[in-house]
């Protein structure tokens, strides 16, 4: 394959993270960048029942259900640390069986 056959980087396909696969990625960001991420995430949570997280390399679509679990953990001894964890259960497309 020659360079002319290689699609531009913007057109290369991202890896889609699908059900049945474990995936974890950790980032160290400045507070303003983390805040922007949380705002965009919050808007998706508020406006629908699906969200998609995307980077240049991968895409993670996720249909979530209820209830959403929010945990706030403050450790004030020594160096203070605040941990905020959001856990979203996956939504199932299953329906209940008929009762006759």
C-alpha atoms as a PDB file:
ATOM      1  CA  UNK A   1       0.000   0.000   0.000  1.00  0.00           C
ATOM      2  CA  UNK A   2       1.494   3.347  -0.967  1.00  0.00           C
ATOM      3  CA  UNK A   3       1.184   6.581   1.000  1.00  0.00           C
ATOM      4  CA  UNK A   4      -1.480   7.754  -1.463  1.00  0.00           C
ATOM      5  CA  UNK A   5      -3.616   4.698  -0.519  1.00  0.00           C
ATOM      6  CA  UNK A   6      -3.467   5.474   3.197  1.00  0.00           C
ATOM      7  CA  UNK A   7      -6.532   7.409   4.366  1.00  0.00           C
ATOM      8  CA  UNK A   8      -5.919  10.717   6.130  1.00  0.00           C
ATOM      9  CA  UNK A   9      -5.583  10.284   9.896  1.00  0.00           C
ATOM     10  CA  UNK A  10      -8.974  11.946  10.458  1.00  0.00           C
ATOM     11  CA  UNK A  11     -10.605   9.177   8.403  1.00  0.00           C
ATOM     12  CA  UNK A  12      -8.989   6.212  10.152  1.00  0.00           C
ATOM     13  CA  UNK A  13     -11.423   4.069  12.089  1.00  0.00           C
ATOM     14  CA  UNK A  14     -11.550   4.207  15.866  1.00  0.00           C
ATOM     15  CA  UNK A  15     -11.695   1.038  17.933  1.00  0.00           C
ATOM     16  CA  UNK A  16     -15.259   0.622  19.189  1.00  0.00           C
ATOM     17  CA  UNK A  17     -15.376  -0.557  22.802  1.00  0.00           C
ATOM     18  CA  UNK A  18     -18.305  -2.990  22.905  1.00  0.00           C
ATOM     19  CA  UNK A  19     -20.096  -5.125  25.472  1.00  0.00           C
ATOM     20  CA  UNK A  20     -18.166  -8.243  26.407  1.00  0.00           C
ATOM     21  CA  UNK A  21     -14.856  -6.388  26.650  1.00  0.00           C
ATOM     22  CA  UNK A  22     -13.166  -4.819  29.682  1.00  0.00           C
ATOM     23  CA  UNK A  23     -11.613  -1.405  29.126  1.00  0.00           C
ATOM     24  CA  UNK A  24      -9.919   1.087  31.431  1.00  0.00           C
ATOM     25  CA  UNK A  25      -8.117   4.335  30.686  1.00  0.00           C
ATOM     26  CA  UNK A  26      -6.803   6.837  33.224  1.00  0.00           C
ATOM     27  CA  UNK A  27      -6.045  10.508  32.573  1.00  0.00           C
ATOM     28  CA  UNK A  28      -4.247  13.227  34.549  1.00  0.00           C
ATOM     29  CA  UNK A  29      -5.840  16.542  33.550  1.00  0.00           C
ATOM     30  CA  UNK A  30      -5.902  20.094  34.759  1.00  0.00           C
ATOM     31  CA  UNK A  31      -9.078  21.036  36.646  1.00  0.00           C
ATOM     32  CA  UNK A  32     -10.586  23.137  33.829  1.00  0.00           C
ATOM     33  CA  UNK A  33     -10.225  20.302  31.293  1.00  0.00           C
ATOM     34  CA  UNK A  34     -11.732  17.791  33.742  1.00  0.00           C
ATOM     35  CA  UNK A  35     -14.576  20.253  34.383  1.00  0.00           C
ATOM     36  CA  UNK A  36     -15.317  20.562  30.653  1.00  0.00           C
ATOM     37  CA  UNK A  37     -15.394  16.762  30.355  1.00  0.00           C
ATOM     38  CA  UNK A  38     -17.807  16.502  33.310  1.00  0.00           C
ATOM     39  CA  UNK A  39     -20.077  19.199  31.838  1.00  0.00           C
ATOM     40  CA  UNK A  40     -20.317  17.360  28.490  1.00  0.00           C
ATOM     41  CA  UNK A  41     -20.864  14.053  30.304  1.00  0.00           C
ATOM     42  CA  UNK A  42     -23.536  15.638  32.504  1.00  0.00           C
ATOM     43  CA  UNK A  43     -25.349  17.028  29.463  1.00  0.00           C
ATOM     44  CA  UNK A  44     -25.495  13.556  27.908  1.00  0.00           C
ATOM     45  CA  UNK A  45     -26.785  12.085  31.198  1.00  0.00           C
ATOM     46  CA  UNK A  46     -29.402  14.812  31.504  1.00  0.00           C
ATOM     47  CA  UNK A  47     -30.606  14.696  27.894  1.00  0.00           C
ATOM     48  CA  UNK A  48     -30.895  10.991  27.158  1.00  0.00           C
ATOM     49  CA  UNK A  49     -30.264   7.408  28.133  1.00  0.00           C
ATOM     50  CA  UNK A  50     -27.138   6.865  26.042  1.00  0.00           C
ATOM     51  CA  UNK A  51     -23.725   8.466  26.068  1.00  0.00           C
ATOM     52  CA  UNK A  52     -20.621   8.182  23.936  1.00  0.00           C
ATOM     53  CA  UNK A  53     -17.065   8.886  25.041  1.00  0.00           C
ATOM     54  CA  UNK A  54     -14.604   9.404  22.164  1.00  0.00           C
ATOM     55  CA  UNK A  55     -10.868   9.898  21.629  1.00  0.00           C
ATOM     56  CA  UNK A  56      -8.822   9.816  18.420  1.00  0.00           C
ATOM     57  CA  UNK A  57      -8.130   6.100  19.022  1.00  0.00           C
ATOM     58  CA  UNK A  58     -11.363   4.690  20.498  1.00  0.00           C
ATOM     59  CA  UNK A  59     -15.102   5.229  20.949  1.00  0.00           C
ATOM     60  CA  UNK A  60     -17.199   3.917  23.830  1.00  0.00           C
ATOM     61  CA  UNK A  61     -20.982   4.056  23.275  1.00  0.00           C
ATOM     62  CA  UNK A  62     -22.994   3.146  26.378  1.00  0.00           C
ATOM     63  CA  UNK A  63     -26.751   2.789  26.920  1.00  0.00           C
ATOM     64  CA  UNK A  64     -27.300   3.317  30.629  1.00  0.00           C
ATOM     65  CA  UNK A  65     -30.164   2.480  32.963  1.00  0.00           C
ATOM     66  CA  UNK A  66     -31.363   3.573  36.375  1.00  0.00           C
ATOM     67  CA  UNK A  67     -30.543   4.136  39.177  1.00  0.00           C
ATOM     68  CA  UNK A  68     -27.246   5.949  38.739  1.00  0.00           C
ATOM     69  CA  UNK A  69     -24.975   5.553  41.767  1.00  0.00           C
ATOM     70  CA  UNK A  70     -23.033   8.609  42.967  1.00  0.00           C
ATOM     71  CA  UNK A  71     -20.418   8.200  45.699  1.00  0.00           C
ATOM     72  CA  UNK A  72     -18.587  11.067  47.422  1.00  0.00           C
ATOM     73  CA  UNK A  73     -15.554  10.113  49.514  1.00  0.00           C
ATOM     74  CA  UNK A  74     -13.610  12.760  51.444  1.00  0.00           C
ATOM     75  CA  UNK A  75     -10.391  11.867  53.238  1.00  0.00           C
ATOM     76  CA  UNK A  76      -9.459  14.819  55.432  1.00  0.00           C
ATOM     77  CA  UNK A  77      -6.551  13.286  57.382  1.00  0.00           C
ATOM     78  CA  UNK A  78      -3.016  14.026  56.139  1.00  0.00           C
ATOM     79  CA  UNK A  79      -3.219  15.319  52.580  1.00  0.00           C
ATOM     80  CA  UNK A  80      -6.933  15.979  51.976  1.00  0.00           C
ATOM     81  CA  UNK A  81      -8.442  14.166  49.005  1.00  0.00           C
ATOM     82  CA  UNK A  82     -11.917  14.204  47.485  1.00  0.00           C
ATOM     83  CA  UNK A  83     -13.043  11.309  45.311  1.00  0.00           C
ATOM     84  CA  UNK A  84     -16.245  11.470  43.279  1.00  0.00           C
ATOM     85  CA  UNK A  85     -17.369   8.256  41.615  1.00  0.00           C
ATOM     86  CA  UNK A  86     -20.280   7.841  39.224  1.00  0.00           C
ATOM     87  CA  UNK A  87     -21.479   4.331  38.407  1.00  0.00           C
ATOM     88  CA  UNK A  88     -23.903   3.844  35.538  1.00  0.00           C
ATOM     89  CA  UNK A  89     -25.660   0.495  35.169  1.00  0.00           C
ATOM     90  CA  UNK A  90     -26.047  -0.818  31.649  1.00  0.00           C
ATOM     91  CA  UNK A  91     -29.528  -0.730  30.160  1.00  0.00           C
ATOM     92  CA  UNK A  92     -31.020  -3.992  29.065  1.00  0.00           C
ATOM     93  CA  UNK A  93     -33.235  -4.328  26.012  1.00  0.00           C
ATOM     94  CA  UNK A  94     -34.960  -7.386  27.468  1.00  0.00           C
ATOM     95  CA  UNK A  95     -38.717  -7.353  28.059  1.00  0.00           C
ATOM     96  CA  UNK A  96     -40.749  -9.305  30.571  1.00  0.00           C
ATOM     97  CA  UNK A  97     -42.451 -12.499  29.381  1.00  0.00           C
ATOM     98  CA  UNK A  98     -46.204 -12.540  28.748  1.00  0.00           C
ATOM     99  CA  UNK A  99     -48.548 -13.741  31.479  1.00  0.00           C
ATOM    100  CA  UNK A 100     -51.575 -15.653  30.187  1.00  0.00           C
END
